[in-house]
C-alpha atoms as a PDB file:
ATOM      1  CA  MET A   1     -88.680  58.648 265.661  1.00  0.00           C
ATOM      2  CA  MET A   2     -92.283  59.750 265.412  1.00  0.00           C
ATOM      3  CA  GLU A   3     -95.066  59.573 268.003  1.00  0.00           C
ATOM      4  CA  TYR A   4     -98.846  59.538 267.600  1.00  0.00           C
ATOM      5  CA  LYS A   5    -101.479  58.610 270.207  1.00  0.00           C
ATOM      6  CA  GLY A   6     -98.730  57.124 272.366  1.00  0.00           C
ATOM      7  CA  TYR A   7     -97.423  54.868 269.600  1.00  0.00           C
ATOM      8  CA  VAL A   8     -93.786  55.362 268.586  1.00  0.00           C
ATOM      9  CA  ALA A   9     -92.382  54.564 265.161  1.00  0.00           C
ATOM     10  CA  THR A  10     -88.864  54.280 263.843  1.00  0.00           C
ATOM     11  CA  VAL A  11     -87.996  55.207 260.283  1.00  0.00           C
ATOM     12  CA  GLU A  12     -85.373  53.867 257.893  1.00  0.00           C
ATOM     13  CA  TYR A  13     -84.445  55.009 254.407  1.00  0.00           C
ATOM     14  CA  ASP A  14     -84.008  52.474 251.607  1.00  0.00           C
ATOM     15  CA  GLY A  15     -81.870  54.149 248.956  1.00  0.00           C
ATOM     16  CA  SER A  16     -82.289  51.294 246.506  1.00  0.00           C
ATOM     17  CA  VAL A  17     -85.970  52.195 246.057  1.00  0.00           C
ATOM     18  CA  GLU A  18     -85.792  55.749 247.415  1.00  0.00           C
ATOM     19  CA  ARG A  19     -88.487  55.128 250.039  1.00  0.00           C
ATOM     20  CA  LEU A  20     -88.867  55.771 253.734  1.00  0.00           C
ATOM     21  CA  HIS A  21     -90.085  52.780 255.761  1.00  0.00           C
ATOM     22  CA  GLY A  22     -91.561  53.059 259.240  1.00  0.00           C
ATOM     23  CA  ARG A  23     -92.816  50.664 261.865  1.00  0.00           C
ATOM     24  CA  VAL A  24     -94.438  51.002 265.269  1.00  0.00           C
ATOM     25  CA  VAL A  25     -91.958  49.748 267.860  1.00  0.00           C
ATOM     26  CA  ASN A  26     -93.519  50.115 271.298  1.00  0.00           C
ATOM     27  CA  THR A  27     -96.177  47.408 271.299  1.00  0.00           C
ATOM     28  CA  GLY A  28     -94.167  44.244 271.831  1.00  0.00           C
ATOM     29  CA  ALA A  29     -92.299  41.835 269.623  1.00  0.00           C
ATOM     30  CA  TYR A  30     -94.425  42.404 266.523  1.00  0.00           C
ATOM     31  CA  PRO A  31     -95.218  45.884 265.194  1.00  0.00           C
ATOM     32  CA  ILE A  32     -98.905  46.771 264.952  1.00  0.00           C
ATOM     33  CA  ALA A  33     -98.253  48.789 261.822  1.00  0.00           C
ATOM     34  CA  THR A  34     -95.718  49.332 259.088  1.00  0.00           C
ATOM     35  CA  PHE A  35     -95.914  52.093 256.519  1.00  0.00           C
ATOM     36  CA  GLU A  36     -93.896  53.774 253.777  1.00  0.00           C
ATOM     37  CA  ALA A  37     -93.681  56.901 251.672  1.00  0.00           C
ATOM     38  CA  THR A  38     -91.278  58.916 249.550  1.00  0.00           C
ATOM     39  CA  GLU A  39     -91.548  62.185 251.518  1.00  0.00           C
ATOM     40  CA  VAL A  40     -91.412  62.936 255.241  1.00  0.00           C
ATOM     41  CA  ARG A  41     -94.776  64.729 255.331  1.00  0.00           C
ATOM     42  CA  GLU A  42     -96.410  61.829 253.526  1.00  0.00           C
ATOM     43  CA  LEU A  43     -94.718  59.366 255.895  1.00  0.00           C
ATOM     44  CA  ARG A  44     -96.207  61.117 258.937  1.00  0.00           C
ATOM     45  CA  LEU A  45     -99.668  60.939 257.382  1.00  0.00           C
ATOM     46  CA  GLU A  46     -99.198  57.240 256.580  1.00  0.00           C
ATOM     47  CA  PHE A  47     -98.058  56.592 260.179  1.00  0.00           C
ATOM     48  CA  GLU A  48    -101.108  58.325 261.632  1.00  0.00           C
ATOM     49  CA  ARG A  49    -103.432  56.589 259.178  1.00  0.00           C
ATOM     50  CA  SER A  50    -101.898  53.202 260.029  1.00  0.00           C
ATOM     51  CA  VAL A  51    -102.379  53.722 263.770  1.00  0.00           C
ATOM     52  CA  ASP A  52    -105.948  54.983 263.269  1.00  0.00           C
ATOM     53  CA  GLU A  53    -106.768  51.987 261.048  1.00  0.00           C
ATOM     54  CA  TYR A  54    -105.289  49.609 263.622  1.00  0.00           C
ATOM     55  CA  LEU A  55    -107.368  51.144 266.438  1.00  0.00           C
ATOM     56  CA  SER A  56    -110.511  51.147 264.270  1.00  0.00           C
ATOM     57  CA  SER A  57    -109.976  47.510 263.315  1.00  0.00           C
ATOM     58  CA  CYS A  58    -109.573  46.552 266.990  1.00  0.00           C
ATOM     59  CA  ARG A  59    -112.827  48.359 267.850  1.00  0.00           C
ATOM     60  CA  GLU A  60    -114.695  46.648 265.003  1.00  0.00           C
ATOM     61  CA  ASP A  61    -113.377  43.215 266.028  1.00  0.00           C
ATOM     62  CA  GLY A  62    -113.997  43.798 269.737  1.00  0.00           C
ATOM     63  CA  VAL A  63    -110.294  43.277 270.449  1.00  0.00           C
ATOM     64  CA  GLU A  64    -108.279  45.245 272.977  1.00  0.00           C
ATOM     65  CA  PRO A  65    -105.503  47.048 271.061  1.00  0.00           C
ATOM     66  CA  LEU A  66    -101.933  46.490 272.123  1.00  0.00           C
ATOM     67  CA  ALA A  67    -101.178  49.357 274.467  1.00  0.00           C
ATOM     68  CA  PRO A  68     -98.019  51.348 273.979  1.00  0.00           C
ATOM     69  CA  PHE A  69     -95.788  50.851 277.037  1.00  0.00           C
ATOM     70  CA  SER A  70     -98.014  49.347 279.704  1.00  0.00           C
ATOM     71  CA  GLY A  71     -95.791  50.530 282.550  1.00  0.00           C
ATOM     72  CA  LYS A  72     -95.053  46.965 283.618  1.00  0.00           C
ATOM     73  CA  LEU A  73     -91.556  45.616 283.212  1.00  0.00           C
ATOM     74  CA  GLN A  74     -90.183  42.279 284.379  1.00  0.00           C
ATOM     75  CA  LEU A  75     -86.516  42.163 285.277  1.00  0.00           C
ATOM     76  CA  ARG A  76     -84.168  39.289 285.967  1.00  0.00           C
ATOM     77  CA  LEU A  77     -81.443  40.706 288.153  1.00  0.00           C
ATOM     78  CA  GLY A  78     -79.616  37.702 289.493  1.00  0.00           C
ATOM     79  CA  SER A  79     -79.554  37.060 293.233  1.00  0.00           C
ATOM     80  CA  GLU A  80     -76.552  39.269 294.083  1.00  0.00           C
ATOM     81  CA  LEU A  81     -77.881  42.342 292.270  1.00  0.00           C
ATOM     82  CA  HIS A  82     -81.347  41.691 293.721  1.00  0.00           C
ATOM     83  CA  ARG A  83     -79.790  41.698 297.202  1.00  0.00           C
ATOM     84  CA  ARG A  84     -77.935  44.966 296.511  1.00  0.00           C
ATOM     85  CA  VAL A  85     -81.060  46.631 295.129  1.00  0.00           C
ATOM     86  CA  ALA A  86     -83.136  45.471 298.108  1.00  0.00           C
ATOM     87  CA  LEU A  87     -80.537  46.866 300.536  1.00  0.00           C
ATOM     88  CA  ALA A  88     -80.331  50.185 298.689  1.00  0.00           C
ATOM     89  CA  ALA A  89     -84.127  50.474 298.666  1.00  0.00           C
ATOM     90  CA  ALA A  90     -84.344  49.661 302.373  1.00  0.00           C
ATOM     91  CA  GLU A  91     -81.627  52.196 303.205  1.00  0.00           C
ATOM     92  CA  SER A  92     -83.575  54.901 301.352  1.00  0.00           C
ATOM     93  CA  GLY A  93     -86.851  53.905 303.016  1.00  0.00           C
ATOM     94  CA  GLN A  94     -88.468  52.898 299.724  1.00  0.00           C
ATOM     95  CA  SER A  95     -89.916  49.763 298.202  1.00  0.00           C
ATOM     96  CA  ILE A  96     -87.771  48.038 295.593  1.00  0.00           C
ATOM     97  CA  ASN A  97     -90.202  49.167 292.881  1.00  0.00           C
ATOM     98  CA  SER A  98     -90.074  52.815 294.016  1.00  0.00           C
ATOM     99  CA  TRP A  99     -86.285  52.755 294.293  1.00  0.00           C
ATOM    100  CA  ILE A 100     -85.822  51.246 290.802  1.00  0.00           C
ATOM    101  CA  THR A 101     -88.321  53.741 289.340  1.00  0.00           C
ATOM    102  CA  GLN A 102     -86.449  56.651 290.937  1.00  0.00           C
ATOM    103  CA  VAL A 103     -83.059  55.421 289.700  1.00  0.00           C
ATOM    104  CA  LEU A 104     -84.307  54.820 286.163  1.00  0.00           C
ATOM    105  CA  ALA A 105     -86.104  58.179 286.010  1.00  0.00           C
ATOM    106  CA  ALA A 106     -82.896  59.934 287.014  1.00  0.00           C
ATOM    107  CA  GLU A 107     -80.854  58.101 284.348  1.00  0.00           C
ATOM    108  CA  ALA A 108     -83.234  57.836 281.396  1.00  0.00           C
ATOM    109  CA  PRO A 109     -82.918  60.531 278.715  1.00  0.00           C
ATOM    110  CA  GLY A 110     -85.811  62.766 277.828  1.00  0.00           C
END
């Protein structure tokens, strides 16, 4: 993975055409940019150029760019898990949001 200005891209290699393909993955269902190259250094430059062009285009069009990872996440827990989470949060003296954030921060890599 590569990161630039908060945008994260994944990379795949296509051996049939000997090219590296990348796409921005942290802006929702549809990537804001895709890019390709034959060398890693060139791929990084294409990634950065793609993000910069996307941001420039948004500015020119007066459109708010899709933000990488807004910090908001909706969860559907089911009623039993919701009850267990609420009890655990209450027992620790935290809100449900604070408790979930603490648990995820402790478990998430990196």
